[in-house]
C-alpha atoms as a PDB file:
ATOM      1  CA  MET A   1       0.000   0.000   0.000  1.00  0.00           C
ATOM      2  CA  SER A   2       1.371   3.394  -0.918  1.00  0.00           C
ATOM      3  CA  SER A   3       2.217   5.997   1.694  1.00  0.00           C
ATOM      4  CA  GLU A   4      -0.481   8.296   0.258  1.00  0.00           C
ATOM      5  CA  LYS A   5      -3.109   5.577   0.679  1.00  0.00           C
ATOM      6  CA  ASN A   6      -1.842   4.912   4.218  1.00  0.00           C
ATOM      7  CA  ARG A   7      -2.222   8.612   4.985  1.00  0.00           C
ATOM      8  CA  HIS A   8      -5.795   8.559   3.677  1.00  0.00           C
ATOM      9  CA  TYR A   9      -6.689   5.546   5.828  1.00  0.00           C
ATOM     10  CA  THR A  10      -5.083   7.212   8.852  1.00  0.00           C
ATOM     11  CA  LEU A  11      -7.069  10.407   8.282  1.00  0.00           C
ATOM     12  CA  ALA A  12     -10.289   8.453   7.736  1.00  0.00           C
ATOM     13  CA  ALA A  13      -9.852   6.603  11.035  1.00  0.00           C
ATOM     14  CA  ASP A  14      -8.677   9.541  13.157  1.00  0.00           C
ATOM     15  CA  PRO A  15     -11.463  11.141  15.266  1.00  0.00           C
ATOM     16  CA  ALA A  16      -9.503  14.424  15.221  1.00  0.00           C
ATOM     17  CA  THR A  17      -9.773  14.734  11.425  1.00  0.00           C
ATOM     18  CA  PRO A  18     -11.922  17.763  10.513  1.00  0.00           C
ATOM     19  CA  GLN A  19     -15.369  16.949   9.164  1.00  0.00           C
ATOM     20  CA  SER A  20     -14.653  18.787   5.919  1.00  0.00           C
ATOM     21  CA  ALA A  21     -11.689  16.447   5.332  1.00  0.00           C
ATOM     22  CA  LEU A  22     -13.905  13.421   6.058  1.00  0.00           C
ATOM     23  CA  ARG A  23     -16.311  14.724   3.408  1.00  0.00           C
ATOM     24  CA  GLU A  24     -13.550  15.016   0.808  1.00  0.00           C
ATOM     25  CA  LEU A  25     -12.242  11.547   1.645  1.00  0.00           C
ATOM     26  CA  ALA A  26     -15.747  10.103   1.235  1.00  0.00           C
ATOM     27  CA  LYS A  27     -16.198  11.907  -2.073  1.00  0.00           C
ATOM     28  CA  ASN A  28     -12.877  10.905  -3.619  1.00  0.00           C
ATOM     29  CA  HIS A  29     -12.012   7.549  -1.996  1.00  0.00           C
ATOM     30  CA  HIS A  30     -14.892   5.105  -1.991  1.00  0.00           C
ATOM     31  CA  GLU A  31     -12.670   2.370  -0.574  1.00  0.00           C
ATOM     32  CA  LEU A  32     -12.510   4.386   2.669  1.00  0.00           C
ATOM     33  CA  TRP A  33     -16.260   4.299   3.303  1.00  0.00           C
ATOM     34  CA  PRO A  34     -16.138   1.461   5.891  1.00  0.00           C
ATOM     35  CA  THR A  35     -13.310   3.215   7.729  1.00  0.00           C
ATOM     36  CA  LEU A  36     -15.164   6.536   7.651  1.00  0.00           C
ATOM     37  CA  LEU A  37     -18.316   4.889   9.020  1.00  0.00           C
ATOM     38  CA  ALA A  38     -16.274   3.485  11.924  1.00  0.00           C
ATOM     39  CA  ASN A  39     -14.927   6.958  12.771  1.00  0.00           C
ATOM     40  CA  PRO A  40     -16.927   8.475  15.675  1.00  0.00           C
ATOM     41  CA  SER A  41     -16.437  11.961  14.172  1.00  0.00           C
ATOM     42  CA  CYS A  42     -18.296  11.075  10.979  1.00  0.00           C
ATOM     43  CA  TYR A  43     -21.394  13.296  11.024  1.00  0.00           C
ATOM     44  CA  GLY A  44     -24.894  11.920  10.532  1.00  0.00           C
ATOM     45  CA  GLU A  45     -25.602  13.289   7.049  1.00  0.00           C
ATOM     46  CA  LEU A  46     -22.312  11.883   5.751  1.00  0.00           C
ATOM     47  CA  ARG A  47     -23.133   8.474   7.255  1.00  0.00           C
ATOM     48  CA  SER A  48     -26.534   8.516   5.553  1.00  0.00           C
ATOM     49  CA  TRP A  49     -24.967   9.592   2.270  1.00  0.00           C
ATOM     50  CA  ILE A  50     -22.389   6.772   2.426  1.00  0.00           C
ATOM     51  CA  HIS A  51     -25.120   4.212   3.163  1.00  0.00           C
ATOM     52  CA  ARG A  52     -27.202   5.494   0.226  1.00  0.00           C
ATOM     53  CA  GLN A  53     -24.182   5.411  -2.079  1.00  0.00           C
ATOM     54  CA  GLN A  54     -23.263   1.887  -0.982  1.00  0.00           C
ATOM     55  CA  HIS A  55     -26.794   0.786  -1.746  1.00  0.00           C
ATOM     56  CA  ASN A  56     -27.006   2.557  -5.125  1.00  0.00           C
ATOM     57  CA  THR A  57     -23.415   2.333  -6.411  1.00  0.00           C
ATOM     58  CA  PRO A  58     -22.405  -0.475  -8.761  1.00  0.00           C
ATOM     59  CA  LEU A  59     -19.383  -2.532  -7.832  1.00  0.00           C
ATOM     60  CA  THR A  60     -17.372  -1.370 -10.848  1.00  0.00           C
ATOM     61  CA  ARG A  61     -16.187   2.071 -11.913  1.00  0.00           C
ATOM     62  CA  SER A  62     -16.590   3.712 -15.276  1.00  0.00           C
ATOM     63  CA  ARG A  63     -13.563   4.422 -17.456  1.00  0.00           C
ATOM     64  CA  SER A  64     -13.380   7.929 -16.010  1.00  0.00           C
ATOM     65  CA  GLY A  65     -12.603   6.422 -12.596  1.00  0.00           C
ATOM     66  CA  ARG A  66     -15.731   7.901 -11.040  1.00  0.00           C
ATOM     67  CA  TYR A  67     -18.576   5.745  -9.892  1.00  0.00           C
ATOM     68  CA  PRO A  68     -21.621   6.457 -12.052  1.00  0.00           C
ATOM     69  CA  GLY A  69     -24.618   8.051 -10.407  1.00  0.00           C
ATOM     70  CA  THR A  70     -22.858   9.330  -7.303  1.00  0.00           C
ATOM     71  CA  ASP A  71     -23.688  12.793  -6.102  1.00  0.00           C
ATOM     72  CA  ASP A  72     -21.537  14.920  -3.840  1.00  0.00           C
ATOM     73  CA  PRO A  73     -21.642  14.191  -0.105  1.00  0.00           C
ATOM     74  CA  PRO A  74     -23.400  16.694   2.161  1.00  0.00           C
ATOM     75  CA  SER A  75     -21.388  19.442   3.779  1.00  0.00           C
ATOM     76  CA  PRO A  76     -20.560  19.102   7.472  1.00  0.00           C
ATOM     77  CA  PRO A  77     -22.958  20.810   9.859  1.00  0.00           C
ATOM     78  CA  ARG A  78     -22.053  24.265  11.142  1.00  0.00           C
ATOM     79  CA  GLN A  79     -20.350  23.993  14.459  1.00  0.00           C
ATOM     80  CA  VAL A  80     -22.072  25.767  17.296  1.00  0.00           C
ATOM     81  CA  LEU A  81     -19.633  26.883  19.935  1.00  0.00           C
ATOM     82  CA  SER A  82     -20.558  25.750  23.390  1.00  0.00           C
ATOM     83  CA  LEU A  83     -18.808  24.908  26.609  1.00  0.00           C
ATOM     84  CA  SER A  84     -18.578  21.267  25.536  1.00  0.00           C
ATOM     85  CA  HIS A  85     -16.067  22.322  22.844  1.00  0.00           C
ATOM     86  CA  TYR A  86     -13.834  23.863  25.471  1.00  0.00           C
ATOM     87  CA  PRO A  87     -13.127  21.318  28.222  1.00  0.00           C
ATOM     88  CA  ARG A  88     -10.771  23.657  30.112  1.00  0.00           C
ATOM     89  CA  ARG A  89     -13.315  26.468  30.082  1.00  0.00           C
ATOM     90  CA  ARG A  90     -16.042  24.074  31.207  1.00  0.00           C
ATOM     91  CA  LEU A  91     -13.818  22.880  34.048  1.00  0.00           C
ATOM     92  CA  LEU A  92     -13.077  26.476  35.015  1.00  0.00           C
ATOM     93  CA  VAL A  93     -16.774  27.410  35.029  1.00  0.00           C
ATOM     94  CA  PHE A  94     -17.752  24.411  37.121  1.00  0.00           C
ATOM     95  CA  GLY A  95     -14.792  24.966  39.421  1.00  0.00           C
ATOM     96  CA  CYS A  96     -15.842  28.579  40.004  1.00  0.00           C
ATOM     97  CA  LEU A  97     -19.422  27.487  40.655  1.00  0.00           C
ATOM     98  CA  ALA A  98     -18.243  24.884  43.154  1.00  0.00           C
ATOM     99  CA  ALA A  99     -16.000  27.438  44.889  1.00  0.00           C
ATOM    100  CA  ALA A 100     -18.864  29.939  45.100  1.00  0.00           C
ATOM    101  CA  MET A 101     -21.200  27.287  46.501  1.00  0.00           C
ATOM    102  CA  GLY A 102     -18.542  26.210  48.998  1.00  0.00           C
ATOM    103  CA  THR A 103     -17.971  29.796  50.100  1.00  0.00           C
ATOM    104  CA  GLY A 104     -21.715  30.309  50.499  1.00  0.00           C
ATOM    105  CA  LEU A 105     -21.989  27.113  52.508  1.00  0.00           C
ATOM    106  CA  VAL A 106     -19.148  28.154  54.834  1.00  0.00           C
ATOM    107  CA  PHE A 107     -20.724  31.599  55.282  1.00  0.00           C
ATOM    108  CA  MET A 108     -24.116  30.029  56.026  1.00  0.00           C
ATOM    109  CA  VAL A 109     -22.695  27.537  58.552  1.00  0.00           C
ATOM    110  CA  THR A 110     -20.654  30.193  60.381  1.00  0.00           C
ATOM    111  CA  THR A 111     -23.675  32.511  60.482  1.00  0.00           C
ATOM    112  CA  LEU A 112     -25.935  29.782  61.827  1.00  0.00           C
ATOM    113  CA  TYR A 113     -23.297  28.620  64.323  1.00  0.00           C
ATOM    114  CA  GLY A 114     -22.825  32.212  65.496  1.00  0.00           C
ATOM    115  CA  ALA A 115     -26.582  32.634  65.921  1.00  0.00           C
ATOM    116  CA  VAL A 116     -26.877  29.378  67.910  1.00  0.00           C
ATOM    117  CA  THR A 117     -23.967  30.116  70.274  1.00  0.00           C
ATOM    118  CA  ARG A 118     -25.171  33.613  71.248  1.00  0.00           C
END
């Protein structure tokens, strides 16, 4: 297997590969479809497209090298930024919340203890 083909298989299997690259691999390298489907980063529309293509695509290629009747794969979904994309920020936010709750709890206990002992 050539080094270029190895690189394509590595990209197809790597969960860190950008979704736009997965789309291009699916479009240009039909032999990678099983590997792309096994990648947890493969988005839903691309999975559906691959399944449809596998069902509708003949087993042989035309002379042009392109499978007849294949359309382009769907574009990856727009990424919505949220705290789940930033694990450090999420940890910081939850850490600050926990510290604030702990401080409030200490303040409440000392206030109650002071009121009871008077």
